[in-house]
Amino acid sequence: MADLAGSTGAAHIACCFDRNMELSFLVLASSLKRHLKSDREVVLHAFHCDPLAHDPVYFTSLNSKSFTLRLRQIENGFRGQASWPGYLTAATLLRLHLPSLLKDIDRVVYLDCDLIVLDDITTLHDTDLSGLPLAACLDFWLTGPPPFAPPGWDAGDWHRFLRETVGLDDCQAYFNAGVMVMDLARFRRAGLIGAAEQFLQQRDYQTAFVDQDALNHVINGAFVRLDSRWNVLGNRGETTGNAAGDDAASPAAPHESYPWILHYAGPYKPWNCEGRRATPWNARFWQEAAASPVLPQLVRAYLESCARRGLTKLRSADVLLSSGKPRLHRRDLLVHAERHRTFPGSAKAGESIARDLDGSREKTDPGTALLPVERVSHCGGIRDGEMLIFDLEAADGHVVFGPYLWYPFGRYQATFILATKGIAPDAPGKFTIDIVDDTGQSLAQRDLPPSPSAAASTLQVLVDRNEMFLAFRIFAGGFAEGELRFGGVRLRSCAPH
């Protein structure tokens, strides 16, 4: 852990965001200010590359005698350079411009916008850099690939990538760039940003983590290691931490149950309903969101993500909020509205959602939702429009599996949309459909005839926990010929809303 260098000057913090991350930035800014422990001056530099989508009062209201939020819209020259993974946008590369954007500032704490600050950020700002260009936390995923790395990677692929593409002398010296204390003066003197951009240009911006890889390339292990509590990954549970070791799932040190910064890195954010496993840190994000005026806007965004998944056709909005990541009830929104009367837009939105929740309880006619084929993993299948086609002669095992998505508690009817062709009635092969939870426990299973009907292809499943993640699977094996066509899974709630 780095020693601390005492300082009494202003602490400068910087974030970069686009429209997609605007609300999460406001939660971050609120959490940062809430957890300051002194009246030392803090300046938060907020660089945005899109026009603001929300009322500027949400930003300006954060200003006080000792806290200043400086908004600045800038052009994003990285747009169009490459296609990013779904959880990355070109805005993340704007951090590479901080040495020039903040040309009169020599030190800054950079923060990603998918995190919340739970301790005094000035302590981090004053980290002794010991003559090195930055301080950061070792990345948790040092012994194997992150779960959101390119598909199919194993530990060997990850280490080869770190050595051969990133160019690290030591694969155990890879840092997460979501939280950094940067010596901007040293960055400018050493030309590190130019070298990082050259690295990306030579690789056509096609690396696993883009600018994070570029920064690791130019730093090559020469950074101060921060206490891991400054960047605890929110997609991990309280029993798994960030420390490097022989086992990527090894228990965390006890102090990591008390993070100073929670970082929701990766594709699954607490403000949308996606994600494979529940994490205790989801609720911590929503606690911070409830302390900011933008809670109703985040609730709307969450329900919209539920609608895209089809969950709003299965369960009412009040169930989706109270049993999903937010764990919010109608009364929470009304309390928030009363507390934030100085933000008329926020209070009005909160009361509107509360009324909608009342109305959602009155719906008693459950709808159906389709889990389409693009949401599941498959082995050997060929996509044909909305169908997957499998050659049964080559099938030997689970041809469909996944995707471990969350469903709220209740009883569901799941119909696998299946058809077969070219199979004799007495064929010796076997079809089985089943539903398992995220621990691998079977919740429902059925063997199917060679030509399955809709009735035969239907399972009843009970979700008896607030957060249960389901995978739908099809087993096929032992066939000498024929084809299987799969068109997804149609879900229907068997319980009243």
Protein backbone atom coordinates (compact mmCIF):
# COMPACT_ATOMS: atom_id res chain seq x y z
CA MET A 1 0.00 0.00 0.00
CA ALA A 2 1.25 3.45 -0.89
CA ASP A 3 2.13 5.94 1.83
CA LEU A 4 0.24 9.20 1.86
CA ALA A 5 1.68 12.61 1.10
CA GLY A 6 -0.04 15.31 3.14
CA SER A 7 -1.52 18.20 1.18
CA THR A 8 -3.72 21.19 1.85
CA GLY A 9 -4.33 22.39 -1.73
CA ALA A 10 -7.38 21.66 -3.83
CA ALA A 11 -7.97 18.02 -4.72
CA HIS A 12 -8.72 17.64 -8.42
CA ILE A 13 -10.89 14.75 -9.66
CA ALA A 14 -11.78 14.01 -13.31
CA CYS A 15 -14.48 11.96 -15.03
CA CYS A 16 -15.40 11.53 -18.69
CA PHE A 17 -18.85 10.45 -19.83
CA ASP A 18 -21.34 10.32 -22.69
CA ARG A 19 -25.13 10.37 -22.60
CA ASN A 20 -25.33 6.68 -21.65
CA MET A 21 -23.35 7.27 -18.45
CA GLU A 22 -24.79 10.65 -17.47
CA LEU A 23 -27.07 9.36 -14.71
CA SER A 24 -24.44 7.07 -13.23
CA PHE A 25 -22.00 10.01 -13.23
CA LEU A 26 -24.47 12.04 -11.17
CA VAL A 27 -24.70 9.20 -8.63
CA LEU A 28 -20.90 9.04 -8.54
CA ALA A 29 -20.61 12.81 -8.02
CA SER A 30 -23.21 12.71 -5.23
CA SER A 31 -21.44 9.82 -3.48
CA LEU A 32 -18.06 11.53 -3.78
CA LYS A 33 -19.34 14.70 -2.15
CA ARG A 34 -21.35 12.85 0.53
CA HIS A 35 -18.31 11.00 1.84
CA LEU A 36 -15.90 13.92 2.16
CA LYS A 37 -14.77 14.31 5.76
CA SER A 38 -13.42 17.85 5.76
CA ASP A 39 -14.02 21.21 4.15
CA ARG A 40 -10.93 20.94 1.95
CA GLU A 41 -11.58 22.25 -1.54
CA VAL A 42 -12.47 19.57 -4.08
CA VAL A 43 -12.85 20.27 -7.80
CA LEU A 44 -14.61 17.67 -9.94
CA HIS A 45 -13.84 18.12 -13.64
CA ALA A 46 -16.68 16.57 -15.66
CA PHE A 47 -15.90 16.16 -19.37
CA HIS A 48 -18.87 15.13 -21.49
CA CYS A 49 -18.90 14.44 -25.22
CA ASP A 50 -22.69 14.68 -25.74
CA PRO A 51 -25.07 17.53 -24.92
CA LEU A 52 -26.50 17.04 -21.44
CA ALA A 53 -29.67 14.97 -21.49
CA HIS A 54 -30.90 16.10 -18.06
CA ASP A 55 -31.62 19.42 -16.43
CA PRO A 56 -28.32 21.22 -15.64
CA VAL A 57 -29.65 21.88 -12.13
CA TYR A 58 -28.80 18.28 -11.26
CA PHE A 59 -25.16 19.20 -11.84
CA THR A 60 -25.03 22.75 -10.51
CA SER A 61 -26.85 21.82 -7.30
CA LEU A 62 -23.75 19.91 -6.21
CA ASN A 63 -21.71 23.10 -5.95
CA SER A 64 -20.92 24.45 -2.51
CA LYS A 65 -18.27 26.55 -0.78
CA SER A 66 -15.76 23.68 -0.81
CA PHE A 67 -17.03 21.55 -3.71
CA THR A 68 -17.00 22.65 -7.34
CA LEU A 69 -18.31 20.72 -10.33
CA ARG A 70 -16.82 22.03 -13.58
CA LEU A 71 -18.73 20.87 -16.64
CA ARG A 72 -17.05 20.99 -20.01
CA GLN A 73 -18.28 19.56 -23.29
CA ILE A 74 -15.50 18.31 -25.57
CA GLU A 75 -15.25 16.60 -28.92
CA ASN A 76 -14.59 12.88 -28.89
CA GLY A 77 -12.10 12.15 -31.64
CA PHE A 78 -12.13 8.46 -30.78
CA ARG A 79 -15.64 7.90 -32.12
CA GLY A 80 -15.60 5.72 -35.20
CA GLN A 81 -12.08 4.44 -34.57
CA ALA A 82 -13.27 0.91 -33.83
CA SER A 83 -16.26 -1.16 -32.73
CA TRP A 84 -16.29 -1.49 -28.96
CA PRO A 85 -17.65 -4.30 -26.79
CA GLY A 86 -21.17 -3.49 -25.62
CA TYR A 87 -20.05 -2.29 -22.17
CA LEU A 88 -17.36 0.07 -23.55
CA THR A 89 -17.88 3.30 -25.44
CA ALA A 90 -15.50 5.71 -27.09
CA ALA A 91 -16.00 8.05 -24.11
CA THR A 92 -13.79 5.83 -21.99
CA LEU A 93 -10.79 6.82 -24.13
CA LEU A 94 -11.21 10.49 -23.22
CA ARG A 95 -9.13 9.84 -20.11
CA LEU A 96 -6.12 9.74 -22.43
CA HIS A 97 -6.65 13.47 -23.05
CA LEU A 98 -6.52 14.51 -19.38
CA PRO A 99 -2.88 15.71 -19.49
CA SER A 100 -3.81 18.20 -22.22
CA LEU A 101 -7.33 19.00 -21.02
CA LEU A 102 -6.00 19.84 -17.55
CA LYS A 103 -2.80 21.51 -18.70
CA ASP A 104 -2.56 23.78 -15.64
CA ILE A 105 -3.02 20.91 -13.17
CA ASP A 106 -0.22 18.53 -12.21
CA ARG A 107 -2.16 15.85 -10.32
CA VAL A 108 -5.64 14.40 -10.72
CA VAL A 109 -7.65 11.42 -9.57
CA TYR A 110 -9.34 9.83 -12.57
CA LEU A 111 -12.57 7.90 -11.92
CA ASP A 112 -14.70 5.83 -14.28
CA CYS A 113 -18.39 6.71 -14.16
CA ASP A 114 -19.60 3.21 -13.26
CA LEU A 115 -18.51 3.46 -9.64
CA ILE A 116 -19.44 5.00 -6.31
CA VAL A 117 -17.09 6.58 -3.79
CA LEU A 118 -17.56 5.50 -0.17
CA ASP A 119 -14.63 7.23 1.54
CA ASP A 120 -12.89 10.60 1.48
CA ILE A 121 -11.42 10.99 -2.01
CA THR A 122 -8.84 13.52 -0.80
CA THR A 123 -7.01 10.68 0.94
CA LEU A 124 -6.61 8.94 -2.41
CA HIS A 125 -5.63 12.20 -4.10
CA ASP A 126 -2.70 12.63 -1.69
CA THR A 127 -1.13 9.24 -2.43
CA ASP A 128 2.68 9.38 -2.53
CA LEU A 129 3.56 8.54 -6.14
CA SER A 130 7.28 8.08 -5.33
CA GLY A 131 8.31 9.64 -8.63
CA LEU A 132 6.13 7.28 -10.71
CA PRO A 133 3.52 8.48 -13.21
CA LEU A 134 0.46 6.96 -11.56
CA ALA A 135 -1.03 4.86 -8.79
CA ALA A 136 -3.68 2.21 -9.39
CA CYS A 137 -5.00 -1.10 -8.09
CA LEU A 138 -3.78 -4.38 -9.48
CA ASP A 139 -6.52 -5.84 -11.60
CA PHE A 140 -8.36 -8.67 -9.89
CA TRP A 141 -8.28 -10.93 -12.95
CA LEU A 142 -4.53 -11.57 -12.92
CA THR A 143 -4.55 -15.35 -12.87
CA GLY A 144 -7.07 -15.81 -15.67
CA PRO A 145 -9.23 -13.88 -18.12
CA PRO A 146 -12.03 -11.63 -16.87
CA PRO A 147 -15.53 -13.07 -17.37
CA PHE A 148 -16.13 -10.36 -19.98
CA ALA A 149 -12.90 -11.03 -21.93
CA PRO A 150 -13.17 -12.23 -25.55
CA PRO A 151 -15.18 -15.50 -25.78
CA GLY A 152 -13.21 -18.70 -25.43
CA TRP A 153 -10.17 -17.26 -23.69
CA ASP A 154 -8.51 -19.31 -20.98
CA ALA A 155 -5.73 -18.36 -18.56
CA GLY A 156 -3.06 -19.17 -21.13
CA ASP A 157 -4.69 -16.90 -23.73
CA TRP A 158 -4.92 -14.09 -21.19
CA HIS A 159 -1.29 -14.29 -20.12
CA ARG A 160 -0.17 -14.52 -23.75
CA PHE A 161 -2.21 -11.40 -24.48
CA LEU A 162 -0.59 -9.53 -21.59
CA ARG A 163 2.91 -10.52 -22.71
CA GLU A 164 2.65 -10.32 -26.48
CA THR A 165 0.00 -7.65 -27.12
CA VAL A 166 0.12 -5.40 -24.05
CA GLY A 167 3.87 -6.02 -23.78
CA LEU A 168 4.12 -6.47 -20.01
CA ASP A 169 7.38 -7.79 -18.61
CA ASP A 170 5.41 -9.12 -15.64
CA CYS A 171 1.86 -10.42 -16.19
CA GLN A 172 1.14 -9.81 -12.49
CA ALA A 173 1.62 -6.06 -12.98
CA TYR A 174 -1.59 -5.28 -14.91
CA PHE A 175 -3.68 -2.53 -13.34
CA ASN A 176 -7.32 -1.53 -13.62
CA ALA A 177 -7.51 1.97 -15.10
CA GLY A 178 -10.95 2.80 -13.67
CA VAL A 179 -9.35 4.45 -10.63
CA MET A 180 -6.00 6.20 -11.04
CA VAL A 181 -3.99 8.91 -9.33
CA MET A 182 -2.15 10.53 -12.25
CA ASP A 183 0.92 12.74 -12.22
CA LEU A 184 -0.14 14.77 -15.24
CA ALA A 185 3.10 16.75 -15.30
CA ARG A 186 5.12 13.54 -15.60
CA PHE A 187 2.75 12.22 -18.27
CA ARG A 188 3.36 15.38 -20.29
CA ARG A 189 7.14 15.36 -19.84
CA ALA A 190 7.50 11.68 -20.75
CA GLY A 191 5.11 11.78 -23.72
CA LEU A 192 3.21 8.81 -22.32
CA ILE A 193 -0.11 9.68 -23.95
CA GLY A 194 1.46 9.91 -27.39
CA ALA A 195 3.00 6.49 -26.86
CA ALA A 196 -0.36 5.07 -25.69
CA GLU A 197 -2.18 6.43 -28.73
CA GLN A 198 0.52 5.03 -31.02
CA PHE A 199 0.02 1.63 -29.38
CA LEU A 200 -3.71 1.77 -30.14
CA GLN A 201 -3.26 3.00 -33.70
CA GLN A 202 -0.81 0.20 -34.49
CA ARG A 203 -3.40 -2.32 -33.30
CA ASP A 204 -6.34 -0.54 -34.94
CA TYR A 205 -7.87 -0.09 -31.46
CA GLN A 206 -8.61 -3.85 -31.40
CA THR A 207 -7.43 -4.94 -27.97
CA ALA A 208 -9.44 -6.47 -25.14
CA PHE A 209 -9.68 -3.35 -22.96
CA VAL A 210 -8.48 -0.68 -25.38
CA ASP A 211 -7.12 2.36 -23.47
CA GLN A 212 -6.55 0.34 -20.30
CA ASP A 213 -4.29 -1.94 -22.33
CA ALA A 214 -2.55 1.10 -23.84
CA LEU A 215 -1.87 2.64 -20.44
CA ASN A 216 -0.54 -0.66 -19.10
CA HIS A 217 1.69 -0.90 -22.15
CA VAL A 218 3.38 2.46 -21.61
CA ILE A 219 3.58 2.13 -17.81
CA ASN A 220 4.80 -1.52 -17.94
CA GLY A 221 4.50 -2.14 -14.21
CA ALA A 222 6.08 1.16 -13.08
CA PHE A 223 3.16 2.33 -10.92
CA VAL A 224 2.34 2.60 -7.24
CA ARG A 225 0.11 -0.25 -6.03
CA LEU A 226 -2.93 1.14 -4.26
CA ASP A 227 -4.75 -0.60 -1.43
CA SER A 228 -7.33 -2.76 -3.22
CA ARG A 229 -10.15 -1.12 -1.24
CA TRP A 230 -9.81 1.83 -3.63
CA ASN A 231 -11.16 -0.26 -6.51
CA VAL A 232 -13.32 -3.17 -5.37
CA LEU A 233 -15.11 -4.73 -8.31
CA GLY A 234 -18.85 -4.58 -7.77
CA ASN A 235 -19.51 -7.67 -9.90
CA ARG A 236 -17.81 -9.71 -7.18
CA GLY A 237 -19.42 -10.75 -3.91
CA GLU A 238 -18.35 -9.79 -0.42
CA THR A 239 -16.38 -13.02 -0.19
CA THR A 240 -14.28 -12.40 -3.27
CA GLY A 241 -11.89 -9.53 -3.64
CA ASN A 242 -9.33 -7.95 -5.90
CA ALA A 243 -6.08 -9.38 -4.64
CA ALA A 244 -3.93 -11.36 -7.05
CA GLY A 245 -3.24 -14.95 -6.15
CA ASP A 246 -3.25 -18.51 -7.38
CA ASP A 247 -7.03 -18.75 -7.32
CA ALA A 248 -9.10 -16.07 -9.03
CA ALA A 249 -12.02 -16.94 -6.76
CA SER A 250 -10.00 -16.89 -3.52
CA PRO A 251 -11.62 -15.26 -0.48
CA ALA A 252 -11.01 -11.57 -0.02
CA ALA A 253 -9.15 -10.13 2.91
CA PRO A 254 -11.67 -9.20 5.62
CA HIS A 255 -11.20 -5.47 5.01
CA GLU A 256 -12.55 -5.79 1.48
CA SER A 257 -16.03 -6.06 2.93
CA TYR A 258 -15.62 -2.31 3.53
CA PRO A 259 -14.66 -0.87 0.15
CA TRP A 260 -13.61 2.73 -0.29
CA ILE A 261 -14.64 2.67 -3.96
CA LEU A 262 -17.05 0.19 -5.55
CA HIS A 263 -16.46 -0.22 -9.28
CA TYR A 264 -19.18 -1.86 -11.40
CA ALA A 265 -16.81 -2.81 -14.21
CA GLY A 266 -17.99 -5.00 -17.05
CA PRO A 267 -21.25 -5.33 -18.96
CA TYR A 268 -23.65 -5.86 -16.04
CA LYS A 269 -24.53 -2.66 -14.22
CA PRO A 270 -26.75 -2.26 -11.14
CA TRP A 271 -28.96 0.20 -13.02
CA ASN A 272 -30.07 -2.44 -15.54
CA CYS A 273 -31.63 -5.85 -14.94
CA GLU A 274 -28.97 -7.88 -16.73
CA GLY A 275 -26.45 -10.04 -14.93
CA ARG A 276 -25.68 -13.64 -14.21
CA ARG A 277 -25.38 -13.59 -10.45
CA ALA A 278 -26.70 -11.46 -7.65
CA THR A 279 -24.10 -9.36 -5.88
CA PRO A 280 -24.45 -7.72 -2.47
CA TRP A 281 -23.00 -4.53 -3.93
CA ASN A 282 -26.04 -3.84 -6.16
CA ALA A 283 -27.98 -2.59 -3.15
CA ARG A 284 -25.08 -0.28 -2.19
CA PHE A 285 -25.33 1.48 -5.54
CA TRP A 286 -29.07 2.01 -5.10
CA GLN A 287 -28.52 3.39 -1.60
CA GLU A 288 -26.26 6.04 -3.08
CA ALA A 289 -28.73 6.63 -5.91
CA ALA A 290 -31.49 7.21 -3.35
CA ALA A 291 -29.37 9.96 -1.79
CA SER A 292 -29.16 11.77 -5.14
CA PRO A 293 -32.00 13.59 -6.91
CA VAL A 294 -31.84 11.34 -10.01
CA LEU A 295 -33.28 8.20 -8.38
CA PRO A 296 -36.58 8.35 -10.37
CA GLN A 297 -34.71 8.64 -13.67
CA LEU A 298 -32.63 5.58 -12.76
CA VAL A 299 -35.77 3.66 -11.80
CA ARG A 300 -37.28 4.49 -15.20
CA ALA A 301 -34.12 3.30 -16.93
CA TYR A 302 -34.17 0.08 -14.89
CA LEU A 303 -37.78 -0.67 -15.80
CA GLU A 304 -36.97 0.04 -19.44
CA SER A 305 -34.19 -2.56 -19.28
CA CYS A 306 -36.74 -4.99 -17.79
CA ALA A 307 -39.09 -4.24 -20.69
CA ARG A 308 -36.35 -4.99 -23.24
CA ARG A 309 -35.90 -8.37 -21.55
CA GLY A 310 -39.65 -9.03 -21.65
CA LEU A 311 -39.88 -9.13 -17.86
CA THR A 312 -42.63 -6.51 -17.77
CA LYS A 313 -44.83 -9.01 -19.64
CA LEU A 314 -44.31 -11.56 -16.89
CA ARG A 315 -44.44 -9.59 -13.66
CA SER A 316 -45.71 -6.22 -12.50
CA ALA A 317 -43.41 -3.22 -12.15
CA ASP A 318 -43.67 -3.20 -8.35
CA VAL A 319 -42.45 -6.83 -8.24
CA LEU A 320 -39.60 -6.09 -10.65
CA LEU A 321 -38.42 -3.20 -8.48
CA SER A 322 -38.88 -4.82 -5.07
CA SER A 323 -37.34 -8.19 -6.00
CA GLY A 324 -34.68 -7.07 -8.50
CA LYS A 325 -31.48 -5.14 -8.01
CA PRO A 326 -33.04 -1.89 -6.72
CA ARG A 327 -35.06 -3.50 -3.87
CA LEU A 328 -37.30 -0.43 -3.93
CA HIS A 329 -40.95 -0.02 -3.02
CA ARG A 330 -43.57 2.62 -3.75
CA ARG A 331 -43.03 4.25 -0.36
CA ASP A 332 -39.30 4.71 -1.11
CA LEU A 333 -40.14 6.77 -4.19
CA LEU A 334 -42.64 8.90 -2.29
CA VAL A 335 -40.14 9.56 0.51
CA HIS A 336 -37.53 10.49 -2.11
CA ALA A 337 -39.98 12.85 -3.85
CA GLU A 338 -40.73 14.64 -0.59
CA ARG A 339 -37.03 14.94 0.25
CA HIS A 340 -36.17 16.41 -3.16
CA ARG A 341 -38.96 18.98 -3.56
CA THR A 342 -36.30 21.50 -4.63
CA PHE A 343 -35.95 19.42 -7.81
CA PRO A 344 -39.49 19.64 -9.23
CA GLY A 345 -38.68 17.33 -12.16
CA SER A 346 -37.36 14.65 -9.85
CA ALA A 347 -40.23 14.87 -7.38
CA LYS A 348 -42.80 14.77 -10.18
CA ALA A 349 -41.11 11.76 -11.78
CA GLY A 350 -40.98 9.88 -8.46
CA GLU A 351 -44.66 10.46 -7.77
CA SER A 352 -45.54 9.42 -11.33
CA ILE A 353 -43.67 6.13 -10.96
CA ALA A 354 -45.38 5.52 -7.60
CA ARG A 355 -48.76 5.94 -9.29
CA ASP A 356 -47.68 3.57 -12.07
CA LEU A 357 -46.72 0.97 -9.45
CA ASP A 358 -50.20 1.22 -7.95
CA GLY A 359 -51.72 0.64 -11.37
CA SER A 360 -49.43 -2.27 -12.17
CA ARG A 361 -50.80 -4.24 -9.22
CA GLU A 362 -54.25 -4.19 -10.80
CA LYS A 363 -53.10 -6.22 -13.82
CA THR A 364 -54.14 -9.83 -13.43
CA ASP A 365 -53.80 -11.17 -16.96
CA PRO A 366 -50.23 -12.44 -17.40
CA GLY A 367 -48.58 -12.05 -20.77
CA THR A 368 -45.87 -14.05 -22.46
CA ALA A 369 -42.26 -13.17 -23.16
CA LEU A 370 -39.92 -14.73 -25.69
CA LEU A 371 -36.33 -15.59 -24.86
CA PRO A 372 -34.92 -15.42 -28.42
CA VAL A 373 -32.21 -17.65 -29.82
CA GLU A 374 -29.63 -14.85 -29.83
CA ARG A 375 -29.71 -14.80 -26.03
CA VAL A 376 -28.59 -18.42 -25.58
CA SER A 377 -25.31 -20.20 -26.24
CA HIS A 378 -25.34 -23.16 -28.58
CA CYS A 379 -23.11 -25.88 -29.91
CA GLY A 380 -23.16 -26.70 -33.62
CA GLY A 381 -26.28 -24.75 -34.48
CA ILE A 382 -26.60 -22.61 -37.61
CA ARG A 383 -28.69 -19.43 -37.40
CA ASP A 384 -31.53 -19.19 -39.92
CA GLY A 385 -33.50 -16.03 -39.21
CA GLU A 386 -35.19 -16.49 -35.82
CA MET A 387 -34.28 -20.19 -35.67
CA LEU A 388 -31.25 -22.31 -34.82
CA ILE A 389 -30.85 -25.47 -36.93
CA PHE A 390 -28.88 -28.43 -35.58
CA ASP A 391 -27.56 -31.47 -37.46
CA LEU A 392 -28.59 -34.27 -35.10
CA GLU A 393 -26.08 -36.74 -36.50
CA ALA A 394 -23.33 -34.52 -35.10
CA ALA A 395 -25.11 -33.68 -31.83
CA ASP A 396 -23.80 -35.32 -28.69
CA GLY A 397 -24.61 -33.30 -25.56
CA HIS A 398 -26.24 -29.99 -24.73
CA VAL A 399 -26.83 -28.17 -28.00
CA VAL A 400 -28.50 -25.20 -26.26
CA PHE A 401 -27.54 -23.79 -22.87
CA GLY A 402 -27.79 -20.52 -21.00
CA PRO A 403 -28.07 -17.65 -20.59
CA TYR A 404 -28.40 -17.43 -16.77
CA LEU A 405 -30.70 -14.43 -16.70
CA TRP A 406 -32.57 -13.14 -13.66
CA TYR A 407 -36.27 -13.82 -13.22
CA PRO A 408 -38.34 -12.51 -10.30
CA PHE A 409 -39.96 -14.92 -7.87
CA GLY A 410 -43.06 -16.77 -9.02
CA ARG A 411 -44.09 -19.80 -11.07
CA TYR A 412 -43.49 -19.86 -14.81
CA GLN A 413 -44.45 -21.99 -17.76
CA ALA A 414 -41.58 -22.35 -20.22
CA THR A 415 -42.30 -23.70 -23.70
CA PHE A 416 -39.30 -24.62 -25.82
CA ILE A 417 -40.13 -23.82 -29.46
CA LEU A 418 -38.93 -27.01 -31.16
CA ALA A 419 -39.46 -28.91 -34.39
CA THR A 420 -37.70 -31.93 -35.87
CA LYS A 421 -37.29 -33.27 -39.37
CA GLY A 422 -36.04 -36.55 -40.79
CA ILE A 423 -36.21 -38.60 -37.58
CA ALA A 424 -37.79 -42.05 -37.59
CA PRO A 425 -40.41 -42.64 -34.86
CA ASP A 426 -38.31 -45.47 -33.43
CA ALA A 427 -34.98 -43.61 -33.63
CA PRO A 428 -32.67 -44.54 -30.72
CA GLY A 429 -31.61 -40.95 -29.99
CA LYS A 430 -32.63 -38.88 -27.00
CA PHE A 431 -33.95 -35.34 -26.49
CA THR A 432 -34.11 -33.77 -23.05
CA ILE A 433 -35.09 -30.24 -22.06
CA ASP A 434 -34.29 -28.87 -18.64
CA ILE A 435 -34.01 -25.68 -16.62
CA VAL A 436 -31.20 -25.16 -14.10
CA ASP A 437 -30.29 -22.35 -11.73
CA ASP A 438 -26.94 -20.62 -11.50
CA THR A 439 -25.60 -23.28 -9.13
CA GLY A 440 -26.33 -26.01 -11.69
CA GLN A 441 -29.27 -27.42 -9.73
CA SER A 442 -31.99 -28.86 -11.95
CA LEU A 443 -35.36 -27.19 -11.41
CA ALA A 444 -37.36 -29.01 -14.10
CA GLN A 445 -36.59 -31.67 -16.72
CA ARG A 446 -38.38 -33.72 -19.36
CA ASP A 447 -37.44 -36.28 -22.01
CA LEU A 448 -39.06 -35.58 -25.40
CA PRO A 449 -40.36 -37.84 -28.17
CA PRO A 450 -38.66 -37.68 -31.62
CA SER A 451 -41.35 -35.24 -32.81
CA PRO A 452 -42.09 -33.08 -29.77
CA SER A 453 -45.36 -31.17 -29.47
CA ALA A 454 -45.77 -27.83 -27.71
CA ALA A 455 -47.38 -29.58 -24.75
CA ALA A 456 -44.51 -32.07 -24.51
CA SER A 457 -41.98 -29.22 -24.76
CA THR A 458 -43.38 -27.27 -21.81
CA LEU A 459 -41.94 -27.22 -18.30
CA GLN A 460 -43.21 -25.63 -15.11
CA VAL A 461 -40.55 -23.94 -12.99
CA LEU A 462 -40.75 -22.24 -9.59
CA VAL A 463 -38.48 -19.30 -8.81
CA ASP A 464 -38.53 -19.31 -5.03
CA ARG A 465 -35.81 -16.73 -4.35
CA ASN A 466 -35.84 -13.00 -4.91
CA GLU A 467 -33.01 -13.33 -7.39
CA MET A 468 -32.74 -16.61 -9.27
CA PHE A 469 -30.79 -16.95 -12.47
CA LEU A 470 -32.07 -19.53 -14.93
CA ALA A 471 -30.51 -21.40 -17.83
CA PHE A 472 -32.57 -23.25 -20.43
CA ARG A 473 -30.93 -26.32 -21.98
CA ILE A 474 -31.59 -28.87 -24.72
CA PHE A 475 -29.76 -32.19 -24.77
CA ALA A 476 -29.56 -34.19 -28.00
CA GLY A 477 -27.56 -37.32 -28.65
CA GLY A 478 -27.58 -40.76 -30.26
CA PHE A 479 -29.26 -39.78 -33.55
CA ALA A 480 -28.05 -41.16 -36.88
CA GLU A 481 -29.86 -38.53 -38.93
CA GLY A 482 -32.32 -35.67 -38.85
CA GLU A 483 -32.44 -32.02 -37.86
CA LEU A 484 -33.63 -30.05 -34.86
CA ARG A 485 -35.01 -26.52 -35.21
CA PHE A 486 -35.10 -24.30 -32.13
CA GLY A 487 -36.91 -20.95 -32.04
CA GLY A 488 -36.32 -19.82 -28.45
CA VAL A 489 -38.27 -20.25 -25.21
CA ARG A 490 -41.70 -18.72 -24.61
CA LEU A 491 -42.29 -17.84 -20.98
CA ARG A 492 -45.60 -17.24 -19.25
CA SER A 493 -46.23 -16.28 -15.66
CA CYS A 494 -48.49 -18.74 -13.88
CA ALA A 495 -49.09 -16.46 -10.92
CA PRO A 496 -51.21 -13.29 -10.78
CA HIS A 497 -49.35 -10.00 -10.94
